[in-house]
PDB file of N, CA and C in Angstrom:
ATOM      1  N   MET A   1      -0.497   5.711  17.030  1.00  0.00           N
ATOM      2  CA  MET A   1      -1.614   4.527  17.045  1.00  0.00           C
ATOM      3  C   MET A   1      -0.882   3.677  17.105  1.00  0.00           C
ATOM      4  N   ASN A   2      -1.398   3.142  17.903  1.00  0.00           N
ATOM      5  CA  ASN A   2      -1.117   1.504  18.509  1.00  0.00           C
ATOM      6  C   ASN A   2      -1.330   0.513  18.115  1.00  0.00           C
ATOM      7  N   LYS A   3      -0.466  -0.604  17.788  1.00  0.00           N
ATOM      8  CA  LYS A   3      -0.412  -1.533  17.306  1.00  0.00           C
ATOM      9  C   LYS A   3      -1.912  -2.567  17.320  1.00  0.00           C
ATOM     10  N   GLY A   4      -2.727  -3.313  16.833  1.00  0.00           N
ATOM     11  CA  GLY A   4      -3.586  -3.695  17.296  1.00  0.00           C
ATOM     12  C   GLY A   4      -4.699  -3.074  17.139  1.00  0.00           C
ATOM     13  N   ALA A   5      -4.501  -1.545  16.954  1.00  0.00           N
ATOM     14  CA  ALA A   5      -5.577  -0.771  17.204  1.00  0.00           C
ATOM     15  C   ALA A   5      -6.936  -1.168  15.947  1.00  0.00           C
ATOM     16  N   ARG A   6      -8.203  -0.606  16.471  1.00  0.00           N
ATOM     17  CA  ARG A   6      -8.942  -1.463  15.516  1.00  0.00           C
ATOM     18  C   ARG A   6      -9.076   0.601  14.380  1.00  0.00           C
ATOM     19  N   ILE A   7      -9.207   0.118  13.259  1.00  0.00           N
ATOM     20  CA  ILE A   7      -9.835   0.681  11.880  1.00  0.00           C
ATOM     21  C   ILE A   7     -10.785   0.173  11.158  1.00  0.00           C
ATOM     22  N   LEU A   8     -12.270   0.869  11.304  1.00  0.00           N
ATOM     23  CA  LEU A   8     -12.334   1.438  10.262  1.00  0.00           C
ATOM     24  C   LEU A   8     -12.100   1.616   9.039  1.00  0.00           C
ATOM     25  N   VAL A   9     -12.751   0.891   7.668  1.00  0.00           N
ATOM     26  CA  VAL A   9     -12.157   0.574   6.415  1.00  0.00           C
ATOM     27  C   VAL A   9     -13.687   1.778   5.907  1.00  0.00           C
ATOM     28  N   VAL A  10     -13.573   2.805   5.141  1.00  0.00           N
ATOM     29  CA  VAL A  10     -15.693   3.654   4.773  1.00  0.00           C
ATOM     30  C   VAL A  10     -15.275   3.670   2.806  1.00  0.00           C
ATOM     31  N   GLU A  11     -14.917   2.471   2.699  1.00  0.00           N
ATOM     32  CA  GLU A  11     -14.533   2.879   0.672  1.00  0.00           C
ATOM     33  C   GLU A  11     -15.888   2.002  -0.023  1.00  0.00           C
ATOM     34  N   ASP A  12     -15.960   2.366  -1.364  1.00  0.00           N
ATOM     35  CA  ASP A  12     -17.094   2.048  -2.168  1.00  0.00           C
ATOM     36  C   ASP A  12     -16.061   0.736  -3.343  1.00  0.00           C
ATOM     37  N   GLU A  13     -14.985   1.076  -3.076  1.00  0.00           N
ATOM     38  CA  GLU A  13     -14.208   0.643  -4.645  1.00  0.00           C
ATOM     39  C   GLU A  13     -14.144  -0.796  -3.769  1.00  0.00           C
ATOM     40  N   GLY A  14     -13.978  -1.727  -4.103  1.00  0.00           N
ATOM     41  CA  GLY A  14     -13.819  -3.336  -3.694  1.00  0.00           C
ATOM     42  C   GLY A  14     -12.735  -3.621  -3.671  1.00  0.00           C
ATOM     43  N   LEU A  15     -11.234  -2.888  -4.708  1.00  0.00           N
ATOM     44  CA  LEU A  15     -10.205  -3.510  -4.382  1.00  0.00           C
ATOM     45  C   LEU A  15      -9.585  -2.701  -3.551  1.00  0.00           C
ATOM     46  N   LEU A  16      -9.579  -1.777  -3.131  1.00  0.00           N
ATOM     47  CA  LEU A  16      -8.744  -0.146  -2.951  1.00  0.00           C
ATOM     48  C   LEU A  16      -9.528  -0.627  -1.579  1.00  0.00           C
ATOM     49  N   ALA A  17     -10.649  -1.563  -1.433  1.00  0.00           N
ATOM     50  CA  ALA A  17     -10.667  -1.379   0.464  1.00  0.00           C
ATOM     51  C   ALA A  17     -10.222  -2.546   0.730  1.00  0.00           C
ATOM     52  N   MET A  18      -9.971  -3.289  -0.281  1.00  0.00           N
ATOM     53  CA  MET A  18      -9.366  -4.113   0.044  1.00  0.00           C
ATOM     54  C   MET A  18      -8.114  -4.370   0.277  1.00  0.00           C
ATOM     55  N   MET A  19      -7.389  -3.737  -0.586  1.00  0.00           N
ATOM     56  CA  MET A  19      -5.814  -2.875  -0.592  1.00  0.00           C
ATOM     57  C   MET A  19      -5.779  -1.885   0.681  1.00  0.00           C
ATOM     58  N   ILE A  20      -6.489  -1.453   1.092  1.00  0.00           N
ATOM     59  CA  ILE A  20      -6.560  -0.466   2.258  1.00  0.00           C
ATOM     60  C   ILE A  20      -6.298  -1.327   3.142  1.00  0.00           C
ATOM     61  N   GLN A  21      -6.978  -2.234   3.229  1.00  0.00           N
ATOM     62  CA  GLN A  21      -7.375  -3.539   4.837  1.00  0.00           C
ATOM     63  C   GLN A  21      -6.538  -4.004   5.093  1.00  0.00           C
ATOM     64  N   GLU A  22      -5.153  -4.119   3.794  1.00  0.00           N
ATOM     65  CA  GLU A  22      -4.415  -5.412   3.310  1.00  0.00           C
ATOM     66  C   GLU A  22      -3.628  -4.382   3.751  1.00  0.00           C
ATOM     67  N   MET A  23      -3.156  -3.315   3.742  1.00  0.00           N
ATOM     68  CA  MET A  23      -1.602  -1.788   3.968  1.00  0.00           C
ATOM     69  C   MET A  23      -2.149  -1.606   6.294  1.00  0.00           C
ATOM     70  N   LEU A  24      -3.190  -1.879   6.063  1.00  0.00           N
ATOM     71  CA  LEU A  24      -3.734  -1.618   7.902  1.00  0.00           C
ATOM     72  C   LEU A  24      -3.248  -3.273   8.368  1.00  0.00           C
ATOM     73  N   GLU A  25      -3.290  -4.444   8.488  1.00  0.00           N
ATOM     74  CA  GLU A  25      -3.138  -5.383   8.882  1.00  0.00           C
ATOM     75  C   GLU A  25      -2.100  -5.656   8.515  1.00  0.00           C
ATOM     76  N   ASP A  26      -0.971  -5.082   7.060  1.00  0.00           N
ATOM     77  CA  ASP A  26       0.411  -5.379   7.160  1.00  0.00           C
ATOM     78  C   ASP A  26       1.471  -4.196   8.144  1.00  0.00           C
ATOM     79  N   LEU A  27       0.624  -2.956   8.634  1.00  0.00           N
ATOM     80  CA  LEU A  27       1.437  -2.272   9.214  1.00  0.00           C
ATOM     81  C   LEU A  27       0.954  -2.370  11.457  1.00  0.00           C
ATOM     82  N   GLY A  28      -0.241  -3.730  11.175  1.00  0.00           N
ATOM     83  CA  GLY A  28      -0.555  -4.140  12.553  1.00  0.00           C
ATOM     84  C   GLY A  28      -1.600  -4.124  13.193  1.00  0.00           C
ATOM     85  N   PHE A  29      -2.421  -3.023  12.276  1.00  0.00           N
ATOM     86  CA  PHE A  29      -4.279  -3.037  13.227  1.00  0.00           C
ATOM     87  C   PHE A  29      -4.673  -4.122  12.566  1.00  0.00           C
ATOM     88  N   GLU A  30      -6.063  -3.244  13.330  1.00  0.00           N
ATOM     89  CA  GLU A  30      -7.076  -5.145  13.121  1.00  0.00           C
ATOM     90  C   GLU A  30      -8.401  -4.287  12.061  1.00  0.00           C
ATOM     91  N   VAL A  31      -8.872  -4.701  11.979  1.00  0.00           N
ATOM     92  CA  VAL A  31      -9.712  -3.859  10.300  1.00  0.00           C
ATOM     93  C   VAL A  31     -11.124  -5.319  10.372  1.00  0.00           C
ATOM     94  N   PRO A  32     -11.758  -4.682  11.828  1.00  0.00           N
ATOM     95  CA  PRO A  32     -12.484  -5.433  11.481  1.00  0.00           C
ATOM     96  C   PRO A  32     -13.959  -5.469  10.738  1.00  0.00           C
ATOM     97  N   ASP A  33     -13.633  -4.153  10.311  1.00  0.00           N
ATOM     98  CA  ASP A  33     -15.075  -3.928   9.247  1.00  0.00           C
ATOM     99  C   ASP A  33     -14.800  -2.673   7.909  1.00  0.00           C
ATOM    100  N   VAL A  34     -15.545  -3.259   6.420  1.00  0.00           N
ATOM    101  CA  VAL A  34     -15.430  -2.429   5.801  1.00  0.00           C
ATOM    102  C   VAL A  34     -16.893  -1.980   4.958  1.00  0.00           C
ATOM    103  N   ALA A  35     -17.195  -0.676   4.937  1.00  0.00           N
ATOM    104  CA  ALA A  35     -18.417  -0.301   4.468  1.00  0.00           C
ATOM    105  C   ALA A  35     -18.087   0.132   3.056  1.00  0.00           C
ATOM    106  N   SER A  36     -19.066  -0.077   2.161  1.00  0.00           N
ATOM    107  CA  SER A  36     -18.871   0.503   1.083  1.00  0.00           C
ATOM    108  C   SER A  36     -20.264   1.380   0.415  1.00  0.00           C
ATOM    109  N   THR A  37     -20.649   1.874   1.753  1.00  0.00           N
ATOM    110  CA  THR A  37     -22.282   2.571   1.223  1.00  0.00           C
ATOM    111  C   THR A  37     -22.145   3.399   2.637  1.00  0.00           C
ATOM    112  N   LEU A  38     -22.674   4.608   2.326  1.00  0.00           N
ATOM    113  CA  LEU A  38     -23.134   5.384   3.525  1.00  0.00           C
ATOM    114  C   LEU A  38     -24.518   4.902   4.927  1.00  0.00           C
ATOM    115  N   SER A  39     -24.497   4.207   4.715  1.00  0.00           N
ATOM    116  CA  SER A  39     -25.333   4.060   5.520  1.00  0.00           C
ATOM    117  C   SER A  39     -24.462   3.283   6.176  1.00  0.00           C
ATOM    118  N   GLU A  40     -24.320   1.156   5.585  1.00  0.00           N
ATOM    119  CA  GLU A  40     -23.475   1.184   6.728  1.00  0.00           C
ATOM    120  C   GLU A  40     -22.130   1.703   6.934  1.00  0.00           C
ATOM    121  N   GLY A  41     -21.792   2.316   7.057  1.00  0.00           N
ATOM    122  CA  GLY A  41     -20.974   2.984   7.398  1.00  0.00           C
ATOM    123  C   GLY A  41     -21.978   3.826   9.225  1.00  0.00           C
ATOM    124  N   ILE A  42     -22.640   4.796   8.687  1.00  0.00           N
ATOM    125  CA  ILE A  42     -23.265   5.002   9.592  1.00  0.00           C
ATOM    126  C   ILE A  42     -23.263   4.132  10.468  1.00  0.00           C
ATOM    127  N   GLY A  43     -24.013   3.016   9.919  1.00  0.00           N
ATOM    128  CA  GLY A  43     -24.858   1.770  11.144  1.00  0.00           C
ATOM    129  C   GLY A  43     -22.935   0.666  12.555  1.00  0.00           C
ATOM    130  N   LEU A  44     -22.254   1.326  11.404  1.00  0.00           N
ATOM    131  CA  LEU A  44     -21.391   0.641  11.981  1.00  0.00           C
ATOM    132  C   LEU A  44     -20.270   1.579  13.062  1.00  0.00           C
ATOM    133  N   VAL A  45     -20.727   2.838  12.618  1.00  0.00           N
ATOM    134  CA  VAL A  45     -20.430   3.518  13.521  1.00  0.00           C
ATOM    135  C   VAL A  45     -21.182   3.654  15.068  1.00  0.00           C
ATOM    136  N   GLU A  46     -22.215   3.964  14.784  1.00  0.00           N
ATOM    137  CA  GLU A  46     -22.849   3.881  15.711  1.00  0.00           C
ATOM    138  C   GLU A  46     -23.234   1.900  16.677  1.00  0.00           C
ATOM    139  N   THR A  47     -22.845   1.155  16.464  1.00  0.00           N
ATOM    140  CA  THR A  47     -22.485   0.056  16.990  1.00  0.00           C
ATOM    141  C   THR A  47     -21.463  -1.036  17.474  1.00  0.00           C
ATOM    142  N   GLY A  48     -20.529  -0.250  16.814  1.00  0.00           N
ATOM    143  CA  GLY A  48     -19.192  -0.628  16.732  1.00  0.00           C
ATOM    144  C   GLY A  48     -17.998   0.306  17.872  1.00  0.00           C
ATOM    145  N   ALA A  49     -17.306  -0.337  18.083  1.00  0.00           N
ATOM    146  CA  ALA A  49     -15.886  -0.112  18.433  1.00  0.00           C
ATOM    147  C   ALA A  49     -14.674  -0.128  18.190  1.00  0.00           C
ATOM    148  N   TYR A  50     -14.213   1.620  17.381  1.00  0.00           N
ATOM    149  CA  TYR A  50     -12.978   1.435  16.556  1.00  0.00           C
ATOM    150  C   TYR A  50     -12.161   2.911  17.201  1.00  0.00           C
ATOM    151  N   ASP A  51     -10.576   2.302  16.876  1.00  0.00           N
ATOM    152  CA  ASP A  51      -9.646   3.699  17.413  1.00  0.00           C
ATOM    153  C   ASP A  51      -9.813   4.477  16.920  1.00  0.00           C
ATOM    154  N   ALA A  52     -10.445   4.243  15.159  1.00  0.00           N
ATOM    155  CA  ALA A  52      -9.964   5.573  13.935  1.00  0.00           C
ATOM    156  C   ALA A  52     -10.186   4.690  12.803  1.00  0.00           C
ATOM    157  N   ALA A  53     -10.069   5.565  11.832  1.00  0.00           N
ATOM    158  CA  ALA A  53     -11.011   5.142  10.881  1.00  0.00           C
ATOM    159  C   ALA A  53     -10.450   5.980   9.788  1.00  0.00           C
ATOM    160  N   ILE A  54     -10.619   5.380   8.377  1.00  0.00           N
ATOM    161  CA  ILE A  54      -9.701   5.446   6.788  1.00  0.00           C
ATOM    162  C   ILE A  54     -11.536   6.282   6.204  1.00  0.00           C
ATOM    163  N   LEU A  55     -12.007   7.628   5.765  1.00  0.00           N
ATOM    164  CA  LEU A  55     -13.081   7.131   4.784  1.00  0.00           C
ATOM    165  C   LEU A  55     -12.917   7.329   3.668  1.00  0.00           C
ATOM    166  N   ASP A  56     -13.659   6.989   2.450  1.00  0.00           N
ATOM    167  CA  ASP A  56     -13.673   7.866   0.932  1.00  0.00           C
ATOM    168  C   ASP A  56     -13.967   8.468   0.987  1.00  0.00           C
ATOM    169  N   VAL A  57     -13.920  10.167   0.684  1.00  0.00           N
ATOM    170  CA  VAL A  57     -15.210  10.617   0.598  1.00  0.00           C
ATOM    171  C   VAL A  57     -16.219  10.691  -0.142  1.00  0.00           C
ATOM    172  N   SER A  58     -16.229  10.299  -1.645  1.00  0.00           N
ATOM    173  CA  SER A  58     -17.567  10.025  -1.719  1.00  0.00           C
ATOM    174  C   SER A  58     -17.218   8.396  -1.704  1.00  0.00           C
ATOM    175  N   LEU A  59     -18.524   8.178  -1.819  1.00  0.00           N
ATOM    176  CA  LEU A  59     -18.935   7.113  -2.027  1.00  0.00           C
ATOM    177  C   LEU A  59     -20.361   6.352  -2.732  1.00  0.00           C
ATOM    178  N   HIS A  60     -20.050   6.163  -3.819  1.00  0.00           N
ATOM    179  CA  HIS A  60     -21.028   5.915  -4.446  1.00  0.00           C
ATOM    180  C   HIS A  60     -22.321   7.017  -4.582  1.00  0.00           C
ATOM    181  N   GLY A  61     -21.298   8.253  -5.147  1.00  0.00           N
ATOM    182  CA  GLY A  61     -22.335  10.052  -5.258  1.00  0.00           C
ATOM    183  C   GLY A  61     -22.961  10.724  -4.151  1.00  0.00           C
ATOM    184  N   GLU A  62     -22.606   9.707  -2.705  1.00  0.00           N
ATOM    185  CA  GLU A  62     -23.088  10.760  -1.894  1.00  0.00           C
ATOM    186  C   GLU A  62     -21.438  10.757  -0.636  1.00  0.00           C
ATOM    187  N   ASN A  63     -21.657  11.582   0.182  1.00  0.00           N
ATOM    188  CA  ASN A  63     -20.281  12.459   0.509  1.00  0.00           C
ATOM    189  C   ASN A  63     -20.693  11.117   2.303  1.00  0.00           C
ATOM    190  N   SER A  64     -19.107  10.794   2.708  1.00  0.00           N
ATOM    191  CA  SER A  64     -18.898  10.527   4.449  1.00  0.00           C
ATOM    192  C   SER A  64     -19.062  11.463   4.864  1.00  0.00           C
ATOM    193  N   PHE A  65     -19.056  12.669   4.938  1.00  0.00           N
ATOM    194  CA  PHE A  65     -19.687  13.344   6.641  1.00  0.00           C
ATOM    195  C   PHE A  65     -20.362  12.568   7.389  1.00  0.00           C
ATOM    196  N   PRO A  66     -21.939  12.590   7.131  1.00  0.00           N
ATOM    197  CA  PRO A  66     -22.225  12.238   8.480  1.00  0.00           C
ATOM    198  C   PRO A  66     -22.075  10.945   8.909  1.00  0.00           C
ATOM    199  N   ILE A  67     -20.693   9.986   8.618  1.00  0.00           N
ATOM    200  CA  ILE A  67     -20.106   9.521   9.436  1.00  0.00           C
ATOM    201  C   ILE A  67     -18.406  10.383  10.055  1.00  0.00           C
ATOM    202  N   ALA A  68     -18.366  11.478   9.060  1.00  0.00           N
ATOM    203  CA  ALA A  68     -17.275  11.609   9.541  1.00  0.00           C
ATOM    204  C   ALA A  68     -18.009  12.814  11.146  1.00  0.00           C
ATOM    205  N   SER A  69     -18.774  12.922  11.152  1.00  0.00           N
ATOM    206  CA  SER A  69     -20.027  14.072  12.409  1.00  0.00           C
ATOM    207  C   SER A  69     -19.951  12.779  13.528  1.00  0.00           C
ATOM    208  N   LEU A  70     -20.779  11.887  13.380  1.00  0.00           N
ATOM    209  CA  LEU A  70     -20.754  10.839  14.549  1.00  0.00           C
ATOM    210  C   LEU A  70     -19.519   9.982  14.723  1.00  0.00           C
ATOM    211  N   LEU A  71     -18.181  10.239  14.259  1.00  0.00           N
ATOM    212  CA  LEU A  71     -16.325  10.274  14.911  1.00  0.00           C
ATOM    213  C   LEU A  71     -15.943  11.170  15.459  1.00  0.00           C
ATOM    214  N   ALA A  72     -16.377  12.139  14.760  1.00  0.00           N
ATOM    215  CA  ALA A  72     -15.867  13.692  15.559  1.00  0.00           C
ATOM    216  C   ALA A  72     -16.832  13.687  16.369  1.00  0.00           C
ATOM    217  N   ASP A  73     -18.248  13.813  17.219  1.00  0.00           N
ATOM    218  CA  ASP A  73     -18.783  14.028  18.042  1.00  0.00           C
ATOM    219  C   ASP A  73     -17.969  11.887  18.932  1.00  0.00           C
ATOM    220  N   LYS A  74     -18.326  11.317  18.760  1.00  0.00           N
ATOM    221  CA  LYS A  74     -17.489  10.121  19.302  1.00  0.00           C
ATOM    222  C   LYS A  74     -15.752  10.471  19.848  1.00  0.00           C
ATOM    223  N   GLY A  75     -14.799  11.141  19.193  1.00  0.00           N
ATOM    224  CA  GLY A  75     -13.284  11.720  19.896  1.00  0.00           C
ATOM    225  C   GLY A  75     -12.866  11.052  18.286  1.00  0.00           C
ATOM    226  N   ILE A  76     -12.821   9.454  17.834  1.00  0.00           N
ATOM    227  CA  ILE A  76     -12.185   8.924  16.773  1.00  0.00           C
ATOM    228  C   ILE A  76     -11.580   9.313  15.622  1.00  0.00           C
ATOM    229  N   PRO A  77     -10.417   9.148  15.924  1.00  0.00           N
ATOM    230  CA  PRO A  77      -9.820  10.047  15.204  1.00  0.00           C
ATOM    231  C   PRO A  77      -9.973   9.607  13.446  1.00  0.00           C
ATOM    232  N   PHE A  78     -10.147  10.532  12.653  1.00  0.00           N
ATOM    233  CA  PHE A  78     -10.282  10.332  10.944  1.00  0.00           C
ATOM    234  C   PHE A  78      -9.928  10.561   9.825  1.00  0.00           C
ATOM    235  N   ALA A  79      -9.362   9.673   9.155  1.00  0.00           N
ATOM    236  CA  ALA A  79      -8.546  10.553   7.866  1.00  0.00           C
ATOM    237  C   ALA A  79      -9.433  10.699   6.662  1.00  0.00           C
ATOM    238  N   PHE A  80      -9.605  11.294   5.870  1.00  0.00           N
ATOM    239  CA  PHE A  80     -10.606  11.989   4.308  1.00  0.00           C
ATOM    240  C   PHE A  80      -9.477  10.513   3.644  1.00  0.00           C
ATOM    241  N   SER A  81     -10.144  10.106   2.145  1.00  0.00           N
ATOM    242  CA  SER A  81      -8.952   9.086   0.983  1.00  0.00           C
ATOM    243  C   SER A  81      -9.745  10.018   0.027  1.00  0.00           C
ATOM    244  N   SER A  82      -9.387  10.695  -0.883  1.00  0.00           N
ATOM    245  CA  SER A  82      -9.979  11.010  -1.834  1.00  0.00           C
ATOM    246  C   SER A  82      -9.474  10.852  -3.200  1.00  0.00           C
ATOM    247  N   GLY A  83      -9.307  10.865  -4.327  1.00  0.00           N
ATOM    248  CA  GLY A  83      -8.233  11.359  -5.297  1.00  0.00           C
ATOM    249  C   GLY A  83      -9.281  12.828  -6.338  1.00  0.00           C
ATOM    250  N   PHE A  84      -9.678  13.511  -4.588  1.00  0.00           N
ATOM    251  CA  PHE A  84     -10.700  15.178  -5.162  1.00  0.00           C
ATOM    252  C   PHE A  84      -9.810  16.358  -4.591  1.00  0.00           C
ATOM    253  N   SER A  85      -9.991  16.748  -4.469  1.00  0.00           N
ATOM    254  CA  SER A  85      -8.621  17.980  -3.912  1.00  0.00           C
ATOM    255  C   SER A  85      -9.360  18.697  -2.600  1.00  0.00           C
ATOM    256  N   LEU A  86      -8.980  18.833  -1.313  1.00  0.00           N
ATOM    257  CA  LEU A  86      -9.800  19.633  -0.423  1.00  0.00           C
ATOM    258  C   LEU A  86     -10.718  20.377  -0.722  1.00  0.00           C
ATOM    259  N   GLU A  87     -11.115  21.329  -0.935  1.00  0.00           N
ATOM    260  CA  GLU A  87     -12.010  22.240  -2.213  1.00  0.00           C
ATOM    261  C   GLU A  87     -13.199  20.908  -1.632  1.00  0.00           C
ATOM    262  N   ASP A  88     -12.987  19.673  -2.068  1.00  0.00           N
ATOM    263  CA  ASP A  88     -13.849  18.908  -1.793  1.00  0.00           C
ATOM    264  C   ASP A  88     -14.583  18.695  -0.201  1.00  0.00           C
ATOM    265  N   ILE A  89     -13.704  18.668   0.819  1.00  0.00           N
ATOM    266  CA  ILE A  89     -13.902  18.866   2.234  1.00  0.00           C
ATOM    267  C   ILE A  89     -14.879  20.069   2.791  1.00  0.00           C
ATOM    268  N   ALA A  90     -15.578  18.767   3.545  1.00  0.00           N
ATOM    269  CA  ALA A  90     -16.349  19.912   4.238  1.00  0.00           C
ATOM    270  C   ALA A  90     -16.047  20.783   4.545  1.00  0.00           C
ATOM    271  N   PRO A  91     -16.255  22.938   4.890  1.00  0.00           N
ATOM    272  CA  PRO A  91     -15.380  23.250   6.114  1.00  0.00           C
ATOM    273  C   PRO A  91     -14.960  22.775   7.270  1.00  0.00           C
ATOM    274  N   GLU A  92     -15.488  21.947   7.719  1.00  0.00           N
ATOM    275  CA  GLU A  92     -15.237  21.638   9.287  1.00  0.00           C
ATOM    276  C   GLU A  92     -15.007  20.663   9.701  1.00  0.00           C
ATOM    277  N   PHE A  93     -14.558  20.166   8.192  1.00  0.00           N
ATOM    278  CA  PHE A  93     -13.340  19.518   8.107  1.00  0.00           C
ATOM    279  C   PHE A  93     -12.070  19.118   7.692  1.00  0.00           C
ATOM    280  N   ALA A  94     -12.070  20.163   7.667  1.00  0.00           N
ATOM    281  CA  ALA A  94     -11.197  21.356   6.464  1.00  0.00           C
ATOM    282  C   ALA A  94      -9.540  20.448   7.147  1.00  0.00           C
ATOM    283  N   ASP A  95      -9.334  20.666   8.755  1.00  0.00           N
ATOM    284  CA  ASP A  95      -8.192  20.561   9.447  1.00  0.00           C
ATOM    285  C   ASP A  95      -7.901  18.502   9.472  1.00  0.00           C
ATOM    286  N   ARG A  96      -8.519  17.779   9.088  1.00  0.00           N
ATOM    287  CA  ARG A  96      -8.836  16.290   9.056  1.00  0.00           C
ATOM    288  C   ARG A  96      -7.211  16.400   8.106  1.00  0.00           C
ATOM    289  N   PRO A  97      -6.598  14.612   8.109  1.00  0.00           N
ATOM    290  CA  PRO A  97      -5.921  14.788   7.238  1.00  0.00           C
ATOM    291  C   PRO A  97      -6.195  14.007   6.290  1.00  0.00           C
ATOM    292  N   LEU A  98      -5.961  14.078   4.926  1.00  0.00           N
ATOM    293  CA  LEU A  98      -6.211  13.520   3.572  1.00  0.00           C
ATOM    294  C   LEU A  98      -5.296  12.661   2.917  1.00  0.00           C
ATOM    295  N   LEU A  99      -5.831  11.554   2.572  1.00  0.00           N
ATOM    296  CA  LEU A  99      -5.269  10.704   1.667  1.00  0.00           C
ATOM    297  C   LEU A  99      -5.186  11.065   0.374  1.00  0.00           C
ATOM    298  N   ARG A 100      -4.089  11.233  -0.134  1.00  0.00           N
ATOM    299  CA  ARG A 100      -5.161  11.181  -1.561  1.00  0.00           C
ATOM    300  C   ARG A 100      -4.400  10.186  -2.798  1.00  0.00           C
ATOM    301  N   LYS A 101      -6.036   9.473  -3.296  1.00  0.00           N
ATOM    302  CA  LYS A 101      -5.882   8.360  -4.022  1.00  0.00           C
ATOM    303  C   LYS A 101      -4.975   8.836  -5.096  1.00  0.00           C
ATOM    304  N   PRO A 102      -4.077   7.434  -5.918  1.00  0.00           N
ATOM    305  CA  PRO A 102      -3.297   6.375  -5.177  1.00  0.00           C
ATOM    306  C   PRO A 102      -2.581   7.050  -4.116  1.00  0.00           C
ATOM    307  N   TYR A 103      -2.440   6.575  -3.043  1.00  0.00           N
ATOM    308  CA  TYR A 103      -1.304   7.433  -1.526  1.00  0.00           C
ATOM    309  C   TYR A 103      -0.831   5.632  -1.889  1.00  0.00           C
ATOM    310  N   GLN A 104       0.148   6.015  -0.928  1.00  0.00           N
ATOM    311  CA  GLN A 104       1.080   4.405  -0.766  1.00  0.00           C
ATOM    312  C   GLN A 104       0.931   4.390   0.556  1.00  0.00           C
ATOM    313  N   PHE A 105       1.767   2.532   0.934  1.00  0.00           N
ATOM    314  CA  PHE A 105       1.707   2.557   2.204  1.00  0.00           C
ATOM    315  C   PHE A 105       2.523   3.420   3.555  1.00  0.00           C
ATOM    316  N   ASN A 106       3.635   4.089   2.833  1.00  0.00           N
ATOM    317  CA  ASN A 106       4.227   5.262   3.812  1.00  0.00           C
ATOM    318  C   ASN A 106       3.717   6.453   4.155  1.00  0.00           C
ATOM    319  N   GLU A 107       2.656   6.775   3.411  1.00  0.00           N
ATOM    320  CA  GLU A 107       2.007   7.991   3.460  1.00  0.00           C
ATOM    321  C   GLU A 107       0.436   7.879   4.591  1.00  0.00           C
ATOM    322  N   LEU A 108       0.107   6.061   4.498  1.00  0.00           N
ATOM    323  CA  LEU A 108      -0.942   5.545   5.422  1.00  0.00           C
ATOM    324  C   LEU A 108      -0.547   5.520   6.579  1.00  0.00           C
ATOM    325  N   GLU A 109       1.364   4.762   6.594  1.00  0.00           N
ATOM    326  CA  GLU A 109       1.435   5.245   8.037  1.00  0.00           C
ATOM    327  C   GLU A 109       1.495   6.172   8.415  1.00  0.00           C
ATOM    328  N   GLY A 110       2.115   7.495   7.831  1.00  0.00           N
ATOM    329  CA  GLY A 110       2.666   8.729   8.706  1.00  0.00           C
ATOM    330  C   GLY A 110       1.220   8.871   9.411  1.00  0.00           C
ATOM    331  N   ILE A 111      -0.052   8.899   8.491  1.00  0.00           N
ATOM    332  CA  ILE A 111      -1.355   9.863   9.076  1.00  0.00           C
ATOM    333  C   ILE A 111      -2.076   9.200  10.880  1.00  0.00           C
ATOM    334  N   LEU A 112      -1.691   7.507  10.438  1.00  0.00           N
ATOM    335  CA  LEU A 112      -2.717   7.098  11.826  1.00  0.00           C
ATOM    336  C   LEU A 112      -0.880   6.986  13.033  1.00  0.00           C
ATOM    337  N   ALA A 113       0.705   6.803  12.784  1.00  0.00           N
ATOM    338  CA  ALA A 113       1.458   7.572  13.801  1.00  0.00           C
ATOM    339  C   ALA A 113       1.297   8.923  14.263  1.00  0.00           C
ATOM    340  N   ALA A 114      -0.308   9.593  13.468  1.00  0.00           N
ATOM    341  CA  ALA A 114       0.213  10.888  14.172  1.00  0.00           C
ATOM    342  C   ALA A 114      -0.932  11.420  14.725  1.00  0.00           C
ATOM    343  N   PHE A 115      -2.178  10.473  14.410  1.00  0.00           N
ATOM    344  CA  PHE A 115      -3.098  10.057  15.238  1.00  0.00           C
ATOM    345  C   PHE A 115      -3.503   9.400  16.230  1.00  0.00           C
TER     346      PHE A 115
END
């Protein structure tokens, strides 16, 4: 992924969202939008232009799989972020990268380098 790429962050924990945004910006990426709910994330993907996304699996008790489906349909790479295990990922997304919370700067960098 090239520096300056636009990354959508979908995360329901405010402090964690700010931390992810800061890490991405430190890596040279742009974070134009941060969504904290499923409906907000869907709306942003439908109307925005992103090069990649980081999706929290669980958003206030709902999963982010509808957002993941929209991203996949648009050919936008994404990774999941979760404190849970791979078993919590829908089978159709089992091949997508998973950042296990809490993750480190270098793990995020590695995921984005693979996009």
